[in-house]
Every structure is written in C-alpha cells, then in structure tokens.
Amino acid sequence: MRALIQRVRHAKVEVEERVTGEIGPGLMILVCAMQGDTEVQAEKLAARVAKCRIFRDEAGKMNRSVIDIGGACLVVSQFTLAADTSTGNRPGFSTAAAPDIGERLYRHFSDALRGLGLPVENGEFGADMAVSLLNDGPVTIWLDTADRA
C-alpha cells in the first residue's frame, strides 16, 4: 500500500458540497491499495503512519508522532498514487488494486488507525472529492509498504 501523509493544521473533504470528514491538527493521509496488497499491508502501513515522528517536540525538532500530539487523521482514498508515468504523457493506473479490494483495504487501513487510538475521519471511496488543507511546515512524506520487507 502507498500513502502520502501531510502534517496539517486542519483538513477537510467534501463530496457534492457535503463535508464527509474534517480534522484539526494531525495528518492528511492519501492512501492507495496496490495489486497484491492485503490486510497485513494495511495494518503495517497504519502502524508506520501512526508512529511517524514528524511533529515538533519542545525543542522544535521533528520527534513526535500524531499519537504523541493527540492529533487526528483524515484518510482519503487516492488511486492515482498508483500512477505509472514511465511512458507517454497519460499516466496508467493498472497497478492499483481493483476497486472492491481497494475499498476494503482503505476501510481496513482506517480501522487499523482507529485501533491504535487515533480519531479518524474519511473521504468517500470512489467519489469526486474536494480536499482542502493547511499544510504545516510544509511536511509531506511518501510511505510505501513495498519499501520494506
């Protein structure tokens, strides 16, 4: 699975002008299930995200996790993180998981974050969403479970 996480002061997602998720300080998480991913990858990615030390400590160093600061997570499905741009000008998305599997793993990822004690809000899987956020730092980190054995 892949995730792009952003440290935010606040974030919100809307579908047809209806707010589906909104958080204060924490993480905006764009997540994509890839072909072959399972619940195990979703749980590993959730643990990495929750423990990622990208928030400032008392000395101003990035040394605290979203758990440490009592932050929240806004999780949005983003199949375009599977984009293959190696040929041509139009990205391909054939390495993304099929929609039914992607949705199941997206929900499992969100539930895994909740299981770690984090408040989680969500976008709407498969919807055309409007996402707004105030990136703090800015701090943006790419995580991929394929990067670790």
N, C-alpha and C. Protein backbone atom coordinates (compact mmCIF):
# COMPACT_ATOMS: atom_id res chain seq x y z
N MET A 1 0.86 -1.18 0.00
CA MET A 1 0.00 0.00 0.00
C MET A 1 0.89 1.22 0.00
N ARG A 2 0.34 2.29 -0.51
CA ARG A 2 1.05 3.56 -0.56
C ARG A 2 0.25 4.62 0.18
N ALA A 3 1.00 5.54 0.80
CA ALA A 3 0.34 6.67 1.45
C ALA A 3 1.21 7.91 1.27
N LEU A 4 0.55 9.01 1.08
CA LEU A 4 1.19 10.31 1.10
C LEU A 4 0.60 11.02 2.31
N ILE A 5 1.46 11.31 3.30
CA ILE A 5 0.96 11.92 4.53
C ILE A 5 1.44 13.36 4.60
N GLN A 6 0.56 14.22 5.06
CA GLN A 6 0.88 15.63 5.21
C GLN A 6 0.55 16.06 6.63
N ARG A 7 1.51 16.72 7.26
CA ARG A 7 1.26 17.29 8.59
C ARG A 7 0.41 18.54 8.35
N VAL A 8 -0.75 18.59 9.00
CA VAL A 8 -1.68 19.68 8.75
C VAL A 8 -2.11 20.38 10.03
N ARG A 9 -2.47 21.63 9.89
CA ARG A 9 -3.11 22.35 10.99
C ARG A 9 -4.60 22.05 11.00
N HIS A 10 -5.15 21.84 9.79
CA HIS A 10 -6.54 21.39 9.64
C HIS A 10 -6.73 20.88 8.22
N ALA A 11 -7.74 20.04 8.03
CA ALA A 11 -8.04 19.49 6.71
C ALA A 11 -9.52 19.11 6.66
N LYS A 12 -10.04 19.12 5.43
CA LYS A 12 -11.46 18.83 5.24
C LYS A 12 -11.66 18.21 3.86
N VAL A 13 -12.62 17.29 3.75
CA VAL A 13 -13.00 16.73 2.47
C VAL A 13 -14.51 16.86 2.31
N GLU A 14 -14.90 17.26 1.09
CA GLU A 14 -16.31 17.44 0.77
C GLU A 14 -16.67 16.63 -0.46
N VAL A 15 -17.91 16.14 -0.48
CA VAL A 15 -18.48 15.47 -1.64
C VAL A 15 -19.78 16.18 -1.94
N GLU A 16 -19.89 16.75 -3.12
CA GLU A 16 -21.09 17.50 -3.51
C GLU A 16 -21.48 18.52 -2.45
N GLU A 17 -20.51 19.29 -1.99
CA GLU A 17 -20.67 20.36 -1.00
C GLU A 17 -21.11 19.87 0.38
N ARG A 18 -21.01 18.57 0.62
CA ARG A 18 -21.30 17.97 1.92
C ARG A 18 -19.99 17.54 2.55
N VAL A 19 -19.70 17.98 3.77
CA VAL A 19 -18.47 17.61 4.45
C VAL A 19 -18.58 16.15 4.90
N THR A 20 -17.62 15.32 4.46
CA THR A 20 -17.60 13.92 4.88
C THR A 20 -16.56 13.67 5.96
N GLY A 21 -15.60 14.57 6.08
CA GLY A 21 -14.57 14.42 7.10
C GLY A 21 -13.85 15.73 7.32
N GLU A 22 -13.51 16.00 8.58
CA GLU A 22 -12.82 17.25 8.91
C GLU A 22 -12.03 17.04 10.20
N ILE A 23 -10.78 17.53 10.20
CA ILE A 23 -9.93 17.40 11.39
C ILE A 23 -9.22 18.72 11.68
N GLY A 24 -8.76 18.84 12.90
CA GLY A 24 -7.85 19.91 13.29
C GLY A 24 -6.43 19.41 13.09
N PRO A 25 -5.52 19.72 14.00
CA PRO A 25 -4.12 19.30 13.84
C PRO A 25 -3.99 17.79 13.73
N GLY A 26 -3.14 17.38 12.79
CA GLY A 26 -2.90 15.96 12.61
C GLY A 26 -2.35 15.65 11.25
N LEU A 27 -2.86 14.57 10.65
CA LEU A 27 -2.36 14.10 9.37
C LEU A 27 -3.46 13.99 8.33
N MET A 28 -3.20 14.54 7.17
CA MET A 28 -4.00 14.29 5.97
C MET A 28 -3.32 13.12 5.29
N ILE A 29 -4.05 12.03 5.06
CA ILE A 29 -3.46 10.81 4.53
C ILE A 29 -4.18 10.42 3.24
N LEU A 30 -3.45 10.47 2.14
CA LEU A 30 -3.94 9.96 0.87
C LEU A 30 -3.42 8.53 0.78
N VAL A 31 -4.29 7.57 0.53
CA VAL A 31 -3.89 6.16 0.58
C VAL A 31 -4.38 5.40 -0.65
N CYS A 32 -3.52 4.47 -1.11
CA CYS A 32 -3.83 3.68 -2.30
C CYS A 32 -3.44 2.23 -2.07
N ALA A 33 -4.37 1.33 -2.32
CA ALA A 33 -4.07 -0.10 -2.28
C ALA A 33 -3.56 -0.51 -3.66
N MET A 34 -2.49 -1.30 -3.66
CA MET A 34 -1.87 -1.78 -4.89
C MET A 34 -2.25 -3.25 -5.11
N GLN A 35 -2.13 -3.71 -6.34
CA GLN A 35 -2.39 -5.12 -6.63
C GLN A 35 -1.55 -5.98 -5.71
N GLY A 36 -2.16 -7.00 -5.14
CA GLY A 36 -1.46 -7.93 -4.27
C GLY A 36 -1.45 -7.53 -2.80
N ASP A 37 -1.89 -6.32 -2.49
CA ASP A 37 -1.93 -5.89 -1.09
C ASP A 37 -3.02 -6.67 -0.34
N THR A 38 -2.78 -6.81 0.96
CA THR A 38 -3.72 -7.50 1.84
C THR A 38 -3.93 -6.66 3.10
N GLU A 39 -4.74 -7.18 3.99
CA GLU A 39 -4.97 -6.51 5.26
C GLU A 39 -3.67 -6.35 6.05
N VAL A 40 -2.73 -7.28 5.86
CA VAL A 40 -1.44 -7.18 6.56
C VAL A 40 -0.72 -5.90 6.16
N GLN A 41 -0.68 -5.58 4.87
CA GLN A 41 -0.04 -4.35 4.43
C GLN A 41 -0.78 -3.12 4.97
N ALA A 42 -2.11 -3.19 5.01
CA ALA A 42 -2.89 -2.07 5.54
C ALA A 42 -2.54 -1.81 7.00
N GLU A 43 -2.42 -2.87 7.77
CA GLU A 43 -2.09 -2.74 9.20
C GLU A 43 -0.66 -2.24 9.40
N LYS A 44 0.28 -2.74 8.60
CA LYS A 44 1.66 -2.27 8.70
C LYS A 44 1.77 -0.80 8.34
N LEU A 45 1.08 -0.41 7.28
CA LEU A 45 1.12 1.00 6.87
C LEU A 45 0.49 1.88 7.94
N ALA A 46 -0.62 1.47 8.52
CA ALA A 46 -1.26 2.25 9.58
C ALA A 46 -0.31 2.43 10.76
N ALA A 47 0.40 1.38 11.13
CA ALA A 47 1.35 1.48 12.25
C ALA A 47 2.49 2.43 11.91
N ARG A 48 2.99 2.37 10.69
CA ARG A 48 4.07 3.29 10.29
C ARG A 48 3.59 4.74 10.32
N VAL A 49 2.40 4.98 9.80
CA VAL A 49 1.84 6.33 9.78
C VAL A 49 1.67 6.85 11.21
N ALA A 50 1.07 6.03 12.06
CA ALA A 50 0.78 6.45 13.43
C ALA A 50 2.04 6.76 14.22
N LYS A 51 3.13 6.06 13.91
CA LYS A 51 4.37 6.22 14.67
C LYS A 51 5.37 7.16 14.01
N CYS A 52 5.06 7.65 12.82
CA CYS A 52 5.99 8.51 12.08
C CYS A 52 6.20 9.82 12.85
N ARG A 53 7.43 10.08 13.22
CA ARG A 53 7.75 11.24 14.08
C ARG A 53 8.04 12.46 13.22
N ILE A 54 6.96 13.17 12.86
CA ILE A 54 7.11 14.35 12.01
C ILE A 54 6.52 15.61 12.65
N PHE A 55 6.14 15.51 13.92
CA PHE A 55 5.63 16.68 14.63
C PHE A 55 6.71 17.22 15.56
N ARG A 56 6.69 18.51 15.78
CA ARG A 56 7.71 19.17 16.59
C ARG A 56 7.60 18.83 18.07
N ASP A 57 8.76 18.64 18.68
CA ASP A 57 8.81 18.49 20.13
C ASP A 57 9.08 19.86 20.75
N GLU A 58 9.35 19.89 22.05
CA GLU A 58 9.56 21.15 22.76
C GLU A 58 10.77 21.91 22.23
N ALA A 59 11.73 21.20 21.65
CA ALA A 59 12.94 21.83 21.10
C ALA A 59 12.76 22.22 19.63
N GLY A 60 11.58 21.98 19.08
CA GLY A 60 11.33 22.34 17.69
C GLY A 60 11.78 21.30 16.68
N LYS A 61 12.23 20.15 17.15
CA LYS A 61 12.68 19.08 16.25
C LYS A 61 11.53 18.13 15.94
N MET A 62 11.54 17.57 14.74
CA MET A 62 10.51 16.59 14.37
C MET A 62 10.82 15.30 15.12
N ASN A 63 10.11 15.12 16.23
CA ASN A 63 10.41 14.00 17.11
C ASN A 63 9.16 13.38 17.74
N ARG A 64 7.98 13.85 17.32
CA ARG A 64 6.74 13.36 17.91
C ARG A 64 5.82 12.82 16.82
N SER A 65 5.04 11.82 17.18
CA SER A 65 4.09 11.22 16.24
C SER A 65 2.71 11.87 16.40
N VAL A 66 1.81 11.51 15.51
CA VAL A 66 0.43 12.00 15.61
C VAL A 66 -0.21 11.49 16.90
N ILE A 67 0.18 10.29 17.33
CA ILE A 67 -0.31 9.77 18.61
C ILE A 67 0.19 10.64 19.75
N ASP A 68 1.50 10.97 19.71
CA ASP A 68 2.12 11.78 20.77
C ASP A 68 1.45 13.14 20.96
N ILE A 69 1.01 13.75 19.85
CA ILE A 69 0.44 15.10 19.95
C ILE A 69 -1.07 15.08 20.17
N GLY A 70 -1.67 13.89 20.18
CA GLY A 70 -3.12 13.79 20.32
C GLY A 70 -3.84 14.29 19.09
N GLY A 71 -3.21 14.11 17.91
CA GLY A 71 -3.78 14.59 16.65
C GLY A 71 -4.79 13.62 16.08
N ALA A 72 -5.34 14.01 14.95
CA ALA A 72 -6.35 13.21 14.25
C ALA A 72 -5.86 12.91 12.83
N CYS A 73 -6.57 12.02 12.15
CA CYS A 73 -6.23 11.64 10.79
C CYS A 73 -7.44 11.81 9.88
N LEU A 74 -7.20 12.39 8.72
CA LEU A 74 -8.21 12.44 7.66
C LEU A 74 -7.69 11.55 6.54
N VAL A 75 -8.39 10.44 6.29
CA VAL A 75 -7.95 9.43 5.32
C VAL A 75 -8.82 9.54 4.07
N VAL A 76 -8.15 9.69 2.93
CA VAL A 76 -8.82 9.83 1.64
C VAL A 76 -8.25 8.82 0.67
N SER A 77 -9.11 8.05 0.01
CA SER A 77 -8.64 7.10 -0.99
C SER A 77 -8.12 7.87 -2.20
N GLN A 78 -7.00 7.39 -2.77
CA GLN A 78 -6.35 8.12 -3.86
C GLN A 78 -5.68 7.12 -4.79
N PHE A 79 -6.46 6.52 -5.71
CA PHE A 79 -5.90 5.51 -6.59
C PHE A 79 -4.81 6.09 -7.50
N THR A 80 -4.78 7.40 -7.68
CA THR A 80 -3.78 7.99 -8.56
C THR A 80 -2.36 7.90 -7.98
N LEU A 81 -2.22 7.49 -6.71
CA LEU A 81 -0.89 7.25 -6.16
C LEU A 81 -0.24 6.04 -6.85
N ALA A 82 -1.03 5.26 -7.59
CA ALA A 82 -0.51 4.12 -8.34
C ALA A 82 -0.06 4.53 -9.75
N ALA A 83 -0.04 5.80 -10.04
CA ALA A 83 0.24 6.27 -11.39
C ALA A 83 1.59 5.76 -11.91
N ASP A 84 1.56 5.22 -13.12
CA ASP A 84 2.77 4.84 -13.84
C ASP A 84 2.97 5.91 -14.91
N THR A 85 4.03 6.67 -14.76
CA THR A 85 4.32 7.76 -15.69
C THR A 85 5.58 7.47 -16.52
N SER A 86 5.93 6.19 -16.61
CA SER A 86 7.18 5.83 -17.29
C SER A 86 7.13 5.97 -18.80
N THR A 87 5.94 5.93 -19.37
CA THR A 87 5.83 6.08 -20.82
C THR A 87 4.69 7.04 -21.16
N GLY A 88 4.90 7.84 -22.17
CA GLY A 88 3.86 8.74 -22.64
C GLY A 88 3.52 9.84 -21.67
N ASN A 89 2.46 10.55 -22.01
CA ASN A 89 2.02 11.69 -21.21
C ASN A 89 0.80 11.41 -20.37
N ARG A 90 0.20 10.25 -20.57
CA ARG A 90 -1.01 9.89 -19.81
C ARG A 90 -0.64 8.79 -18.82
N PRO A 91 -0.81 9.05 -17.53
CA PRO A 91 -0.47 8.03 -16.53
C PRO A 91 -1.36 6.81 -16.65
N GLY A 92 -0.79 5.66 -16.32
CA GLY A 92 -1.56 4.43 -16.25
C GLY A 92 -1.75 4.04 -14.79
N PHE A 93 -2.83 3.35 -14.50
CA PHE A 93 -3.16 3.01 -13.12
C PHE A 93 -3.39 1.50 -12.95
N SER A 94 -2.82 0.70 -13.83
CA SER A 94 -3.08 -0.74 -13.82
C SER A 94 -2.50 -1.44 -12.60
N THR A 95 -1.59 -0.81 -11.87
CA THR A 95 -1.01 -1.46 -10.68
C THR A 95 -1.85 -1.22 -9.42
N ALA A 96 -2.87 -0.38 -9.51
CA ALA A 96 -3.77 -0.16 -8.37
C ALA A 96 -4.64 -1.40 -8.18
N ALA A 97 -5.02 -1.65 -6.95
CA ALA A 97 -5.93 -2.76 -6.66
C ALA A 97 -7.28 -2.50 -7.32
N ALA A 98 -7.99 -3.57 -7.62
CA ALA A 98 -9.35 -3.44 -8.15
C ALA A 98 -10.20 -2.66 -7.14
N PRO A 99 -11.20 -1.92 -7.63
CA PRO A 99 -11.98 -1.06 -6.72
C PRO A 99 -12.55 -1.76 -5.49
N ASP A 100 -13.08 -2.97 -5.63
CA ASP A 100 -13.66 -3.65 -4.46
C ASP A 100 -12.59 -3.98 -3.42
N ILE A 101 -11.42 -4.40 -3.87
CA ILE A 101 -10.31 -4.69 -2.96
C ILE A 101 -9.76 -3.39 -2.38
N GLY A 102 -9.63 -2.39 -3.24
CA GLY A 102 -9.13 -1.08 -2.79
C GLY A 102 -10.00 -0.49 -1.69
N GLU A 103 -11.31 -0.58 -1.87
CA GLU A 103 -12.21 -0.05 -0.85
C GLU A 103 -12.10 -0.83 0.46
N ARG A 104 -12.03 -2.15 0.36
CA ARG A 104 -11.91 -2.98 1.56
C ARG A 104 -10.63 -2.64 2.32
N LEU A 105 -9.51 -2.48 1.61
CA LEU A 105 -8.23 -2.19 2.27
C LEU A 105 -8.18 -0.75 2.79
N TYR A 106 -8.81 0.17 2.09
CA TYR A 106 -8.92 1.56 2.54
C TYR A 106 -9.66 1.60 3.89
N ARG A 107 -10.75 0.88 3.98
CA ARG A 107 -11.52 0.84 5.23
C ARG A 107 -10.72 0.13 6.33
N HIS A 108 -10.03 -0.93 5.97
CA HIS A 108 -9.22 -1.66 6.95
C HIS A 108 -8.09 -0.78 7.47
N PHE A 109 -7.46 -0.02 6.59
CA PHE A 109 -6.41 0.92 7.00
C PHE A 109 -6.96 1.93 8.00
N SER A 110 -8.10 2.51 7.70
CA SER A 110 -8.73 3.48 8.61
C SER A 110 -9.06 2.84 9.95
N ASP A 111 -9.61 1.64 9.92
CA ASP A 111 -9.94 0.93 11.16
C ASP A 111 -8.69 0.60 11.96
N ALA A 112 -7.59 0.28 11.27
CA ALA A 112 -6.33 -0.01 11.96
C ALA A 112 -5.82 1.23 12.68
N LEU A 113 -5.96 2.40 12.06
CA LEU A 113 -5.57 3.65 12.74
C LEU A 113 -6.44 3.87 13.98
N ARG A 114 -7.73 3.63 13.84
CA ARG A 114 -8.63 3.77 14.98
C ARG A 114 -8.22 2.81 16.10
N GLY A 115 -7.84 1.61 15.72
CA GLY A 115 -7.41 0.61 16.68
C GLY A 115 -6.16 1.02 17.45
N LEU A 116 -5.40 1.95 16.88
CA LEU A 116 -4.21 2.48 17.55
C LEU A 116 -4.55 3.69 18.42
N GLY A 117 -5.85 3.99 18.52
CA GLY A 117 -6.31 5.08 19.39
C GLY A 117 -6.43 6.43 18.72
N LEU A 118 -6.34 6.47 17.40
CA LEU A 118 -6.42 7.75 16.70
C LEU A 118 -7.84 8.07 16.25
N PRO A 119 -8.26 9.33 16.40
CA PRO A 119 -9.53 9.75 15.79
C PRO A 119 -9.33 9.80 14.27
N VAL A 120 -10.25 9.20 13.53
CA VAL A 120 -10.12 9.13 12.07
C VAL A 120 -11.40 9.60 11.42
N GLU A 121 -11.23 10.49 10.46
CA GLU A 121 -12.32 10.92 9.58
C GLU A 121 -11.97 10.42 8.18
N ASN A 122 -12.98 10.31 7.33
CA ASN A 122 -12.76 9.75 5.99
C ASN A 122 -13.39 10.57 4.89
N GLY A 123 -12.80 10.39 3.71
CA GLY A 123 -13.45 10.83 2.48
C GLY A 123 -14.46 9.76 2.10
N GLU A 124 -14.93 9.82 0.86
CA GLU A 124 -15.91 8.84 0.37
C GLU A 124 -15.26 8.08 -0.78
N PHE A 125 -15.06 6.80 -0.61
CA PHE A 125 -14.36 5.99 -1.60
C PHE A 125 -15.03 6.12 -2.97
N GLY A 126 -14.24 6.37 -3.99
CA GLY A 126 -14.73 6.43 -5.36
C GLY A 126 -15.45 7.70 -5.75
N ALA A 127 -15.62 8.62 -4.82
CA ALA A 127 -16.35 9.86 -5.10
C ALA A 127 -15.41 10.91 -5.66
N ASP A 128 -15.98 11.90 -6.31
CA ASP A 128 -15.25 13.09 -6.73
C ASP A 128 -15.23 14.01 -5.52
N MET A 129 -14.07 14.15 -4.91
CA MET A 129 -13.95 14.86 -3.64
C MET A 129 -13.21 16.18 -3.80
N ALA A 130 -13.57 17.14 -2.97
CA ALA A 130 -12.84 18.40 -2.86
C ALA A 130 -12.12 18.37 -1.51
N VAL A 131 -10.80 18.41 -1.56
CA VAL A 131 -9.99 18.32 -0.35
C VAL A 131 -9.32 19.66 -0.11
N SER A 132 -9.43 20.15 1.11
CA SER A 132 -8.73 21.39 1.46
C SER A 132 -7.95 21.14 2.73
N LEU A 133 -6.79 21.79 2.82
CA LEU A 133 -5.94 21.60 3.99
C LEU A 133 -4.99 22.77 4.13
N LEU A 134 -4.50 22.92 5.34
CA LEU A 134 -3.43 23.86 5.61
C LEU A 134 -2.24 23.02 6.05
N ASN A 135 -1.28 22.84 5.11
CA ASN A 135 -0.10 22.03 5.37
C ASN A 135 0.77 22.77 6.36
N ASP A 136 1.22 22.06 7.38
CA ASP A 136 2.02 22.65 8.46
C ASP A 136 3.49 22.32 8.22
N GLY A 137 4.27 23.30 7.88
CA GLY A 137 5.70 23.11 7.68
C GLY A 137 6.23 23.75 6.40
N PRO A 138 5.90 23.27 5.25
CA PRO A 138 5.13 22.07 4.95
C PRO A 138 5.94 20.80 5.19
N VAL A 139 5.23 19.77 5.61
CA VAL A 139 5.82 18.45 5.79
C VAL A 139 4.95 17.46 5.03
N THR A 140 5.55 16.80 4.04
CA THR A 140 4.86 15.81 3.23
C THR A 140 5.78 14.61 3.07
N ILE A 141 5.29 13.43 3.41
CA ILE A 141 6.10 12.21 3.42
C ILE A 141 5.41 11.12 2.61
N TRP A 142 6.21 10.40 1.80
CA TRP A 142 5.74 9.28 1.00
C TRP A 142 6.07 7.98 1.72
N LEU A 143 5.09 7.10 1.91
CA LEU A 143 5.31 5.80 2.52
C LEU A 143 4.77 4.71 1.59
N ASP A 144 5.50 3.62 1.48
CA ASP A 144 5.09 2.52 0.62
C ASP A 144 5.50 1.23 1.31
N THR A 145 4.55 0.32 1.52
CA THR A 145 4.88 -0.94 2.18
C THR A 145 5.82 -1.79 1.33
N ALA A 146 5.91 -1.54 0.03
CA ALA A 146 6.84 -2.28 -0.83
C ALA A 146 8.29 -1.90 -0.52
N ASP A 147 8.51 -0.79 0.17
CA ASP A 147 9.86 -0.34 0.52
C ASP A 147 10.46 -1.15 1.66
N ARG A 148 9.64 -1.93 2.34
CA ARG A 148 10.10 -2.73 3.49
C ARG A 148 9.70 -4.17 3.30
N ALA A 149 10.54 -5.04 3.78
CA ALA A 149 10.22 -6.47 3.68
C ALA A 149 9.26 -6.87 4.78
